[in-house]
Amino acid sequence: MSPGAWEVERVRRNRVLLATITPPDYKISMPWANAVRELQQPEGSDFLKVSGLPFGPARNQAVRTCLDGGYGYLFFLDADTIPPRDILM
C-alpha cells in the first residue's frame, strides 16, 4: 500500500538537513565522529558537509541548501558538540 497525501506531506515537513561545518584545520574528534554516525534521523533527512569556507558563508550555504531543498528543519552541528543519538527526532 502506497502512502497517501497526508503521509507524504508529513515526511516532507519533518525532513531535517543536518549541516556540519568543518573547522578550518579539518580536525574533528573521534567521539564527535562516532556520535554523528549514530544519529537517528527522521525519514528523508540528509547530511550536508560544508568545508573550505569561513563559518558565516558556510552557514549561509547550508541555509540556501535547506530552503532550496524544501526541508522542514535545518540543524547545525558544530565539531565541539557531542549530540545525543535522538537529538534530530
PDB file of N, CA and C in Angstrom:
ATOM      1  N   MET A   1       0.846  -1.178   0.000  1.00  0.00           N
ATOM      2  CA  MET A   1       0.000   0.000   0.000  1.00  0.00           C
ATOM      3  C   MET A   1       0.891   1.240   0.000  1.00  0.00           C
ATOM      4  N   SER A   2       0.666   2.135  -0.941  1.00  0.00           N
ATOM      5  CA  SER A   2       1.484   3.337  -1.028  1.00  0.00           C
ATOM      6  C   SER A   2       0.951   4.408  -0.072  1.00  0.00           C
ATOM      7  N   PRO A   3       1.831   5.324   0.360  1.00  0.00           N
ATOM      8  CA  PRO A   3       1.406   6.359   1.300  1.00  0.00           C
ATOM      9  C   PRO A   3       0.429   7.337   0.655  1.00  0.00           C
ATOM     10  N   GLY A   4      -0.469   7.857   1.469  1.00  0.00           N
ATOM     11  CA  GLY A   4      -1.416   8.850   1.000  1.00  0.00           C
ATOM     12  C   GLY A   4      -0.813  10.246   1.079  1.00  0.00           C
ATOM     13  N   ALA A   5      -1.595  11.217   0.638  1.00  0.00           N
ATOM     14  CA  ALA A   5      -1.114  12.603   0.597  1.00  0.00           C
ATOM     15  C   ALA A   5      -0.710  13.113   1.974  1.00  0.00           C
ATOM     16  N   TRP A   6      -1.452  12.752   3.016  1.00  0.00           N
ATOM     17  CA  TRP A   6      -1.119  13.234   4.359  1.00  0.00           C
ATOM     18  C   TRP A   6       0.211  12.677   4.828  1.00  0.00           C
ATOM     19  N   GLU A   7       0.470  11.396   4.544  1.00  0.00           N
ATOM     20  CA  GLU A   7       1.733  10.789   4.957  1.00  0.00           C
ATOM     21  C   GLU A   7       2.912  11.396   4.196  1.00  0.00           C
ATOM     22  N   VAL A   8       2.739  11.622   2.911  1.00  0.00           N
ATOM     23  CA  VAL A   8       3.804  12.231   2.106  1.00  0.00           C
ATOM     24  C   VAL A   8       4.102  13.640   2.614  1.00  0.00           C
ATOM     25  N   GLU A   9       3.083  14.405   2.919  1.00  0.00           N
ATOM     26  CA  GLU A   9       3.269  15.769   3.422  1.00  0.00           C
ATOM     27  C   GLU A   9       3.950  15.762   4.787  1.00  0.00           C
ATOM     28  N   ARG A  10       3.596  14.819   5.649  1.00  0.00           N
ATOM     29  CA  ARG A  10       4.213  14.726   6.973  1.00  0.00           C
ATOM     30  C   ARG A  10       5.711  14.445   6.845  1.00  0.00           C
ATOM     31  N   VAL A  11       6.087  13.527   5.969  1.00  0.00           N
ATOM     32  CA  VAL A  11       7.503  13.211   5.766  1.00  0.00           C
ATOM     33  C   VAL A  11       8.231  14.435   5.233  1.00  0.00           C
ATOM     34  N   ARG A  12       7.654  15.110   4.251  1.00  0.00           N
ATOM     35  CA  ARG A  12       8.291  16.294   3.663  1.00  0.00           C
ATOM     36  C   ARG A  12       8.500  17.378   4.711  1.00  0.00           C
ATOM     37  N   ARG A  13       7.493  17.594   5.530  1.00  0.00           N
ATOM     38  CA  ARG A  13       7.540  18.646   6.546  1.00  0.00           C
ATOM     39  C   ARG A  13       8.557  18.344   7.640  1.00  0.00           C
ATOM     40  N   ASN A  14       8.816  17.073   7.917  1.00  0.00           N
ATOM     41  CA  ASN A  14       9.695  16.694   9.024  1.00  0.00           C
ATOM     42  C   ASN A  14      11.126  16.373   8.598  1.00  0.00           C
ATOM     43  N   ARG A  15      11.442  16.528   7.322  1.00  0.00           N
ATOM     44  CA  ARG A  15      12.809  16.251   6.870  1.00  0.00           C
ATOM     45  C   ARG A  15      13.780  17.259   7.496  1.00  0.00           C
ATOM     46  N   VAL A  16      14.943  16.748   7.888  1.00  0.00           N
ATOM     47  CA  VAL A  16      15.974  17.582   8.513  1.00  0.00           C
ATOM     48  C   VAL A  16      17.205  17.589   7.620  1.00  0.00           C
ATOM     49  N   LEU A  17      17.768  18.771   7.408  1.00  0.00           N
ATOM     50  CA  LEU A  17      19.078  18.881   6.785  1.00  0.00           C
ATOM     51  C   LEU A  17      20.062  19.123   7.922  1.00  0.00           C
ATOM     52  N   LEU A  18      20.928  18.161   8.144  1.00  0.00           N
ATOM     53  CA  LEU A  18      21.942  18.264   9.193  1.00  0.00           C
ATOM     54  C   LEU A  18      23.217  18.810   8.567  1.00  0.00           C
ATOM     55  N   ALA A  19      23.562  20.035   8.910  1.00  0.00           N
ATOM     56  CA  ALA A  19      24.737  20.688   8.336  1.00  0.00           C
ATOM     57  C   ALA A  19      25.898  20.624   9.316  1.00  0.00           C
ATOM     58  N   THR A  20      26.984  20.017   8.882  1.00  0.00           N
ATOM     59  CA  THR A  20      28.209  20.013   9.667  1.00  0.00           C
ATOM     60  C   THR A  20      29.205  20.921   8.955  1.00  0.00           C
ATOM     61  N   ILE A  21      29.752  21.855   9.686  1.00  0.00           N
ATOM     62  CA  ILE A  21      30.709  22.789   9.126  1.00  0.00           C
ATOM     63  C   ILE A  21      32.074  22.452   9.695  1.00  0.00           C
ATOM     64  N   THR A  22      32.947  22.009   8.809  1.00  0.00           N
ATOM     65  CA  THR A  22      34.263  21.556   9.223  1.00  0.00           C
ATOM     66  C   THR A  22      35.129  22.735   9.652  1.00  0.00           C
ATOM     67  N   PRO A  23      35.812  22.608  10.787  1.00  0.00           N
ATOM     68  CA  PRO A  23      36.716  23.679  11.227  1.00  0.00           C
ATOM     69  C   PRO A  23      37.804  23.914  10.177  1.00  0.00           C
ATOM     70  N   PRO A  24      38.383  25.115  10.188  1.00  0.00           N
ATOM     71  CA  PRO A  24      39.427  25.431   9.193  1.00  0.00           C
ATOM     72  C   PRO A  24      40.599  24.453   9.188  1.00  0.00           C
ATOM     73  N   ASP A  25      40.906  23.860  10.335  1.00  0.00           N
ATOM     74  CA  ASP A  25      42.021  22.903  10.382  1.00  0.00           C
ATOM     75  C   ASP A  25      41.583  21.475  10.026  1.00  0.00           C
ATOM     76  N   TYR A  26      40.290  21.279   9.731  1.00  0.00           N
ATOM     77  CA  TYR A  26      39.719  19.981   9.339  1.00  0.00           C
ATOM     78  C   TYR A  26      39.830  18.915  10.424  1.00  0.00           C
ATOM     79  N   LYS A  27      40.070  19.322  11.671  1.00  0.00           N
ATOM     80  CA  LYS A  27      40.223  18.353  12.749  1.00  0.00           C
ATOM     81  C   LYS A  27      38.906  18.174  13.504  1.00  0.00           C
ATOM     82  N   ILE A  28      38.536  16.920  13.678  1.00  0.00           N
ATOM     83  CA  ILE A  28      37.373  16.565  14.490  1.00  0.00           C
ATOM     84  C   ILE A  28      37.802  15.436  15.420  1.00  0.00           C
ATOM     85  N   SER A  29      37.075  15.282  16.517  1.00  0.00           N
ATOM     86  CA  SER A  29      37.426  14.237  17.477  1.00  0.00           C
ATOM     87  C   SER A  29      36.727  12.923  17.122  1.00  0.00           C
ATOM     88  N   MET A  30      37.304  11.832  17.580  1.00  0.00           N
ATOM     89  CA  MET A  30      36.676  10.521  17.377  1.00  0.00           C
ATOM     90  C   MET A  30      35.322  10.433  18.077  1.00  0.00           C
ATOM     91  N   PRO A  31      35.178  10.951  19.323  1.00  0.00           N
ATOM     92  CA  PRO A  31      33.852  10.906  19.936  1.00  0.00           C
ATOM     93  C   PRO A  31      32.805  11.651  19.102  1.00  0.00           C
ATOM     94  N   TRP A  32      33.182  12.777  18.507  1.00  0.00           N
ATOM     95  CA  TRP A  32      32.251  13.517  17.662  1.00  0.00           C
ATOM     96  C   TRP A  32      31.881  12.702  16.428  1.00  0.00           C
ATOM     97  N   ALA A  33      32.882  12.136  15.758  1.00  0.00           N
ATOM     98  CA  ALA A  33      32.636  11.337  14.557  1.00  0.00           C
ATOM     99  C   ALA A  33      31.734  10.145  14.874  1.00  0.00           C
ATOM    100  N   ASN A  34      31.967   9.490  15.995  1.00  0.00           N
ATOM    101  CA  ASN A  34      31.127   8.357  16.392  1.00  0.00           C
ATOM    102  C   ASN A  34      29.704   8.802  16.698  1.00  0.00           C
ATOM    103  N   ALA A  35      29.562   9.940  17.367  1.00  0.00           N
ATOM    104  CA  ALA A  35      28.222  10.435  17.694  1.00  0.00           C
ATOM    105  C   ALA A  35      27.438  10.773  16.433  1.00  0.00           C
ATOM    106  N   VAL A  36      28.076  11.383  15.457  1.00  0.00           N
ATOM    107  CA  VAL A  36      27.403  11.722  14.202  1.00  0.00           C
ATOM    108  C   VAL A  36      26.966  10.452  13.476  1.00  0.00           C
ATOM    109  N   ARG A  37      27.818   9.460  13.474  1.00  0.00           N
ATOM    110  CA  ARG A  37      27.489   8.199  12.808  1.00  0.00           C
ATOM    111  C   ARG A  37      26.274   7.518  13.450  1.00  0.00           C
ATOM    112  N   GLU A  38      26.073   7.710  14.739  1.00  0.00           N
ATOM    113  CA  GLU A  38      24.997   7.042  15.471  1.00  0.00           C
ATOM    114  C   GLU A  38      23.676   7.818  15.502  1.00  0.00           C
ATOM    115  N   LEU A  39      23.635   8.999  14.903  1.00  0.00           N
ATOM    116  CA  LEU A  39      22.415   9.820  14.980  1.00  0.00           C
ATOM    117  C   LEU A  39      21.215   9.138  14.333  1.00  0.00           C
ATOM    118  N   GLN A  40      20.095   9.199  15.015  1.00  0.00           N
ATOM    119  CA  GLN A  40      18.821   8.762  14.451  1.00  0.00           C
ATOM    120  C   GLN A  40      18.261   9.935  13.653  1.00  0.00           C
ATOM    121  N   GLN A  41      17.765   9.651  12.441  1.00  0.00           N
ATOM    122  CA  GLN A  41      17.281  10.725  11.584  1.00  0.00           C
ATOM    123  C   GLN A  41      15.831  10.488  11.171  1.00  0.00           C
ATOM    124  N   PRO A  42      15.043  11.554  11.102  1.00  0.00           N
ATOM    125  CA  PRO A  42      13.701  11.412  10.543  1.00  0.00           C
ATOM    126  C   PRO A  42      13.796  10.956   9.081  1.00  0.00           C
ATOM    127  N   GLU A  43      12.801  10.262   8.623  1.00  0.00           N
ATOM    128  CA  GLU A  43      12.760   9.777   7.249  1.00  0.00           C
ATOM    129  C   GLU A  43      12.958  10.926   6.259  1.00  0.00           C
ATOM    130  N   GLY A  44      13.793  10.700   5.248  1.00  0.00           N
ATOM    131  CA  GLY A  44      14.027  11.696   4.215  1.00  0.00           C
ATOM    132  C   GLY A  44      15.053  12.752   4.563  1.00  0.00           C
ATOM    133  N   SER A  45      15.702  12.622   5.711  1.00  0.00           N
ATOM    134  CA  SER A  45      16.691  13.617   6.133  1.00  0.00           C
ATOM    135  C   SER A  45      18.033  13.370   5.447  1.00  0.00           C
ATOM    136  N   ASP A  46      18.856  14.414   5.410  1.00  0.00           N
ATOM    137  CA  ASP A  46      20.142  14.340   4.736  1.00  0.00           C
ATOM    138  C   ASP A  46      21.222  15.058   5.531  1.00  0.00           C
ATOM    139  N   PHE A  47      22.476  14.687   5.223  1.00  0.00           N
ATOM    140  CA  PHE A  47      23.642  15.368   5.770  1.00  0.00           C
ATOM    141  C   PHE A  47      24.201  16.318   4.720  1.00  0.00           C
ATOM    142  N   LEU A  48      24.718  17.440   5.165  1.00  0.00           N
ATOM    143  CA  LEU A  48      25.435  18.370   4.306  1.00  0.00           C
ATOM    144  C   LEU A  48      26.737  18.717   5.005  1.00  0.00           C
ATOM    145  N   LYS A  49      27.854  18.408   4.376  1.00  0.00           N
ATOM    146  CA  LYS A  49      29.166  18.753   4.929  1.00  0.00           C
ATOM    147  C   LYS A  49      29.680  19.956   4.166  1.00  0.00           C
ATOM    148  N   VAL A  50      29.930  21.041   4.886  1.00  0.00           N
ATOM    149  CA  VAL A  50      30.448  22.256   4.273  1.00  0.00           C
ATOM    150  C   VAL A  50      31.864  22.466   4.800  1.00  0.00           C
ATOM    151  N   SER A  51      32.798  22.640   3.884  1.00  0.00           N
ATOM    152  CA  SER A  51      34.186  22.874   4.302  1.00  0.00           C
ATOM    153  C   SER A  51      34.833  23.856   3.336  1.00  0.00           C
ATOM    154  N   GLY A  52      35.943  24.429   3.781  1.00  0.00           N
ATOM    155  CA  GLY A  52      36.703  25.332   2.940  1.00  0.00           C
ATOM    156  C   GLY A  52      36.190  26.757   2.899  1.00  0.00           C
ATOM    157  N   LEU A  53      35.211  27.070   3.737  1.00  0.00           N
ATOM    158  CA  LEU A  53      34.665  28.426   3.795  1.00  0.00           C
ATOM    159  C   LEU A  53      34.747  28.951   5.223  1.00  0.00           C
ATOM    160  N   PRO A  54      34.803  30.267   5.401  1.00  0.00           N
ATOM    161  CA  PRO A  54      34.645  30.816   6.756  1.00  0.00           C
ATOM    162  C   PRO A  54      33.267  30.418   7.297  1.00  0.00           C
ATOM    163  N   PHE A  55      33.125  30.443   8.608  1.00  0.00           N
ATOM    164  CA  PHE A  55      31.891  29.948   9.224  1.00  0.00           C
ATOM    165  C   PHE A  55      30.631  30.667   8.746  1.00  0.00           C
ATOM    166  N   GLY A  56      30.652  31.980   8.626  1.00  0.00           N
ATOM    167  CA  GLY A  56      29.467  32.719   8.185  1.00  0.00           C
ATOM    168  C   GLY A  56      28.986  32.304   6.807  1.00  0.00           C
ATOM    169  N   PRO A  57      29.844  32.368   5.781  1.00  0.00           N
ATOM    170  CA  PRO A  57      29.423  31.915   4.455  1.00  0.00           C
ATOM    171  C   PRO A  57      29.048  30.433   4.411  1.00  0.00           C
ATOM    172  N   ALA A  58      29.703  29.614   5.222  1.00  0.00           N
ATOM    173  CA  ALA A  58      29.356  28.190   5.256  1.00  0.00           C
ATOM    174  C   ALA A  58      27.937  28.004   5.784  1.00  0.00           C
ATOM    175  N   ARG A  59      27.588  28.723   6.828  1.00  0.00           N
ATOM    176  CA  ARG A  59      26.222  28.628   7.364  1.00  0.00           C
ATOM    177  C   ARG A  59      25.216  29.168   6.356  1.00  0.00           C
ATOM    178  N   ASN A  60      25.558  30.237   5.662  1.00  0.00           N
ATOM    179  CA  ASN A  60      24.660  30.767   4.632  1.00  0.00           C
ATOM    180  C   ASN A  60      24.435  29.751   3.516  1.00  0.00           C
ATOM    181  N   GLN A  61      25.474  29.030   3.142  1.00  0.00           N
ATOM    182  CA  GLN A  61      25.336  27.993   2.117  1.00  0.00           C
ATOM    183  C   GLN A  61      24.382  26.901   2.596  1.00  0.00           C
ATOM    184  N   ALA A  62      24.492  26.510   3.863  1.00  0.00           N
ATOM    185  CA  ALA A  62      23.596  25.489   4.415  1.00  0.00           C
ATOM    186  C   ALA A  62      22.151  25.977   4.420  1.00  0.00           C
ATOM    187  N   VAL A  63      21.935  27.228   4.781  1.00  0.00           N
ATOM    188  CA  VAL A  63      20.574  27.787   4.782  1.00  0.00           C
ATOM    189  C   VAL A  63      20.002  27.752   3.371  1.00  0.00           C
ATOM    190  N   ARG A  64      20.784  28.163   2.386  1.00  0.00           N
ATOM    191  CA  ARG A  64      20.313  28.163   0.993  1.00  0.00           C
ATOM    192  C   ARG A  64      19.965  26.745   0.540  1.00  0.00           C
ATOM    193  N   THR A  65      20.815  25.769   0.876  1.00  0.00           N
ATOM    194  CA  THR A  65      20.556  24.371   0.516  1.00  0.00           C
ATOM    195  C   THR A  65      19.272  23.883   1.159  1.00  0.00           C
ATOM    196  N   CYS A  66      19.049  24.248   2.416  1.00  0.00           N
ATOM    197  CA  CYS A  66      17.840  23.850   3.133  1.00  0.00           C
ATOM    198  C   CYS A  66      16.593  24.433   2.468  1.00  0.00           C
ATOM    199  N   LEU A  67      16.622  25.718   2.182  1.00  0.00           N
ATOM    200  CA  LEU A  67      15.474  26.372   1.569  1.00  0.00           C
ATOM    201  C   LEU A  67      15.207  25.823   0.165  1.00  0.00           C
ATOM    202  N   ASP A  68      16.259  25.660  -0.618  1.00  0.00           N
ATOM    203  CA  ASP A  68      16.094  25.155  -1.978  1.00  0.00           C
ATOM    204  C   ASP A  68      15.626  23.705  -2.007  1.00  0.00           C
ATOM    205  N   GLY A  69      15.994  22.936  -0.968  1.00  0.00           N
ATOM    206  CA  GLY A  69      15.632  21.519  -0.922  1.00  0.00           C
ATOM    207  C   GLY A  69      14.284  21.230  -0.296  1.00  0.00           C
ATOM    208  N   GLY A  70      13.622  22.251   0.236  1.00  0.00           N
ATOM    209  CA  GLY A  70      12.301  22.044   0.825  1.00  0.00           C
ATOM    210  C   GLY A  70      12.309  21.297   2.145  1.00  0.00           C
ATOM    211  N   TYR A  71      13.404  21.375   2.880  1.00  0.00           N
ATOM    212  CA  TYR A  71      13.481  20.712   4.185  1.00  0.00           C
ATOM    213  C   TYR A  71      12.616  21.451   5.194  1.00  0.00           C
ATOM    214  N   GLY A  72      12.119  20.716   6.176  1.00  0.00           N
ATOM    215  CA  GLY A  72      11.331  21.332   7.235  1.00  0.00           C
ATOM    216  C   GLY A  72      12.192  21.967   8.312  1.00  0.00           C
ATOM    217  N   TYR A  73      13.419  21.453   8.482  1.00  0.00           N
ATOM    218  CA  TYR A  73      14.304  21.925   9.543  1.00  0.00           C
ATOM    219  C   TYR A  73      15.744  21.939   9.071  1.00  0.00           C
ATOM    220  N   LEU A  74      16.516  22.846   9.643  1.00  0.00           N
ATOM    221  CA  LEU A  74      17.957  22.891   9.444  1.00  0.00           C
ATOM    222  C   LEU A  74      18.593  22.769  10.814  1.00  0.00           C
ATOM    223  N   PHE A  75      19.517  21.839  10.947  1.00  0.00           N
ATOM    224  CA  PHE A  75      20.192  21.607  12.218  1.00  0.00           C
ATOM    225  C   PHE A  75      21.688  21.754  11.997  1.00  0.00           C
ATOM    226  N   PHE A  76      22.295  22.712  12.689  1.00  0.00           N
ATOM    227  CA  PHE A  76      23.745  22.887  12.622  1.00  0.00           C
ATOM    228  C   PHE A  76      24.387  22.069  13.738  1.00  0.00           C
ATOM    229  N   LEU A  77      25.398  21.318  13.395  1.00  0.00           N
ATOM    230  CA  LEU A  77      26.139  20.547  14.386  1.00  0.00           C
ATOM    231  C   LEU A  77      27.611  20.921  14.285  1.00  0.00           C
ATOM    232  N   ASP A  78      28.092  21.614  15.300  1.00  0.00           N
ATOM    233  CA  ASP A  78      29.491  22.031  15.331  1.00  0.00           C
ATOM    234  C   ASP A  78      30.373  20.896  15.835  1.00  0.00           C
ATOM    235  N   ALA A  79      31.646  20.974  15.477  1.00  0.00           N
ATOM    236  CA  ALA A  79      32.583  19.905  15.814  1.00  0.00           C
ATOM    237  C   ALA A  79      32.966  19.873  17.287  1.00  0.00           C
ATOM    238  N   ASP A  80      32.517  20.850  18.081  1.00  0.00           N
ATOM    239  CA  ASP A  80      32.834  20.841  19.510  1.00  0.00           C
ATOM    240  C   ASP A  80      31.648  20.408  20.362  1.00  0.00           C
ATOM    241  N   THR A  81      30.624  19.830  19.737  1.00  0.00           N
ATOM    242  CA  THR A  81      29.410  19.404  20.437  1.00  0.00           C
ATOM    243  C   THR A  81      29.160  17.928  20.174  1.00  0.00           C
ATOM    244  N   ILE A  82      29.015  17.149  21.241  1.00  0.00           N
ATOM    245  CA  ILE A  82      28.701  15.726  21.102  1.00  0.00           C
ATOM    246  C   ILE A  82      27.189  15.579  21.342  1.00  0.00           C
ATOM    247  N   PRO A  83      26.416  15.313  20.289  1.00  0.00           N
ATOM    248  CA  PRO A  83      24.965  15.258  20.436  1.00  0.00           C
ATOM    249  C   PRO A  83      24.465  13.903  20.926  1.00  0.00           C
ATOM    250  N   PRO A  84      23.317  13.886  21.610  1.00  0.00           N
ATOM    251  CA  PRO A  84      22.687  12.600  21.920  1.00  0.00           C
ATOM    252  C   PRO A  84      22.124  11.995  20.631  1.00  0.00           C
ATOM    253  N   ARG A  85      21.983  10.685  20.602  1.00  0.00           N
ATOM    254  CA  ARG A  85      21.525   9.962  19.390  1.00  0.00           C
ATOM    255  C   ARG A  85      20.197  10.468  18.862  1.00  0.00           C
ATOM    256  N   ASP A  86      19.295  10.874  19.736  1.00  0.00           N
ATOM    257  CA  ASP A  86      17.922  11.211  19.312  1.00  0.00           C
ATOM    258  C   ASP A  86      17.686  12.708  19.138  1.00  0.00           C
ATOM    259  N   ILE A  87      18.725  13.509  19.050  1.00  0.00           N
ATOM    260  CA  ILE A  87      18.564  14.966  19.009  1.00  0.00           C
ATOM    261  C   ILE A  87      17.751  15.421  17.792  1.00  0.00           C
ATOM    262  N   LEU A  88      17.863  14.740  16.679  1.00  0.00           N
ATOM    263  CA  LEU A  88      17.128  15.147  15.483  1.00  0.00           C
ATOM    264  C   LEU A  88      15.669  14.724  15.512  1.00  0.00           C
ATOM    265  N   MET A  89      15.367  13.745  16.302  1.00  0.00           N
ATOM    266  CA  MET A  89      13.983  13.249  16.367  1.00  0.00           C
ATOM    267  C   MET A  89      13.115  14.219  17.160  1.00  0.00           C
TER     268      MET A  89
END
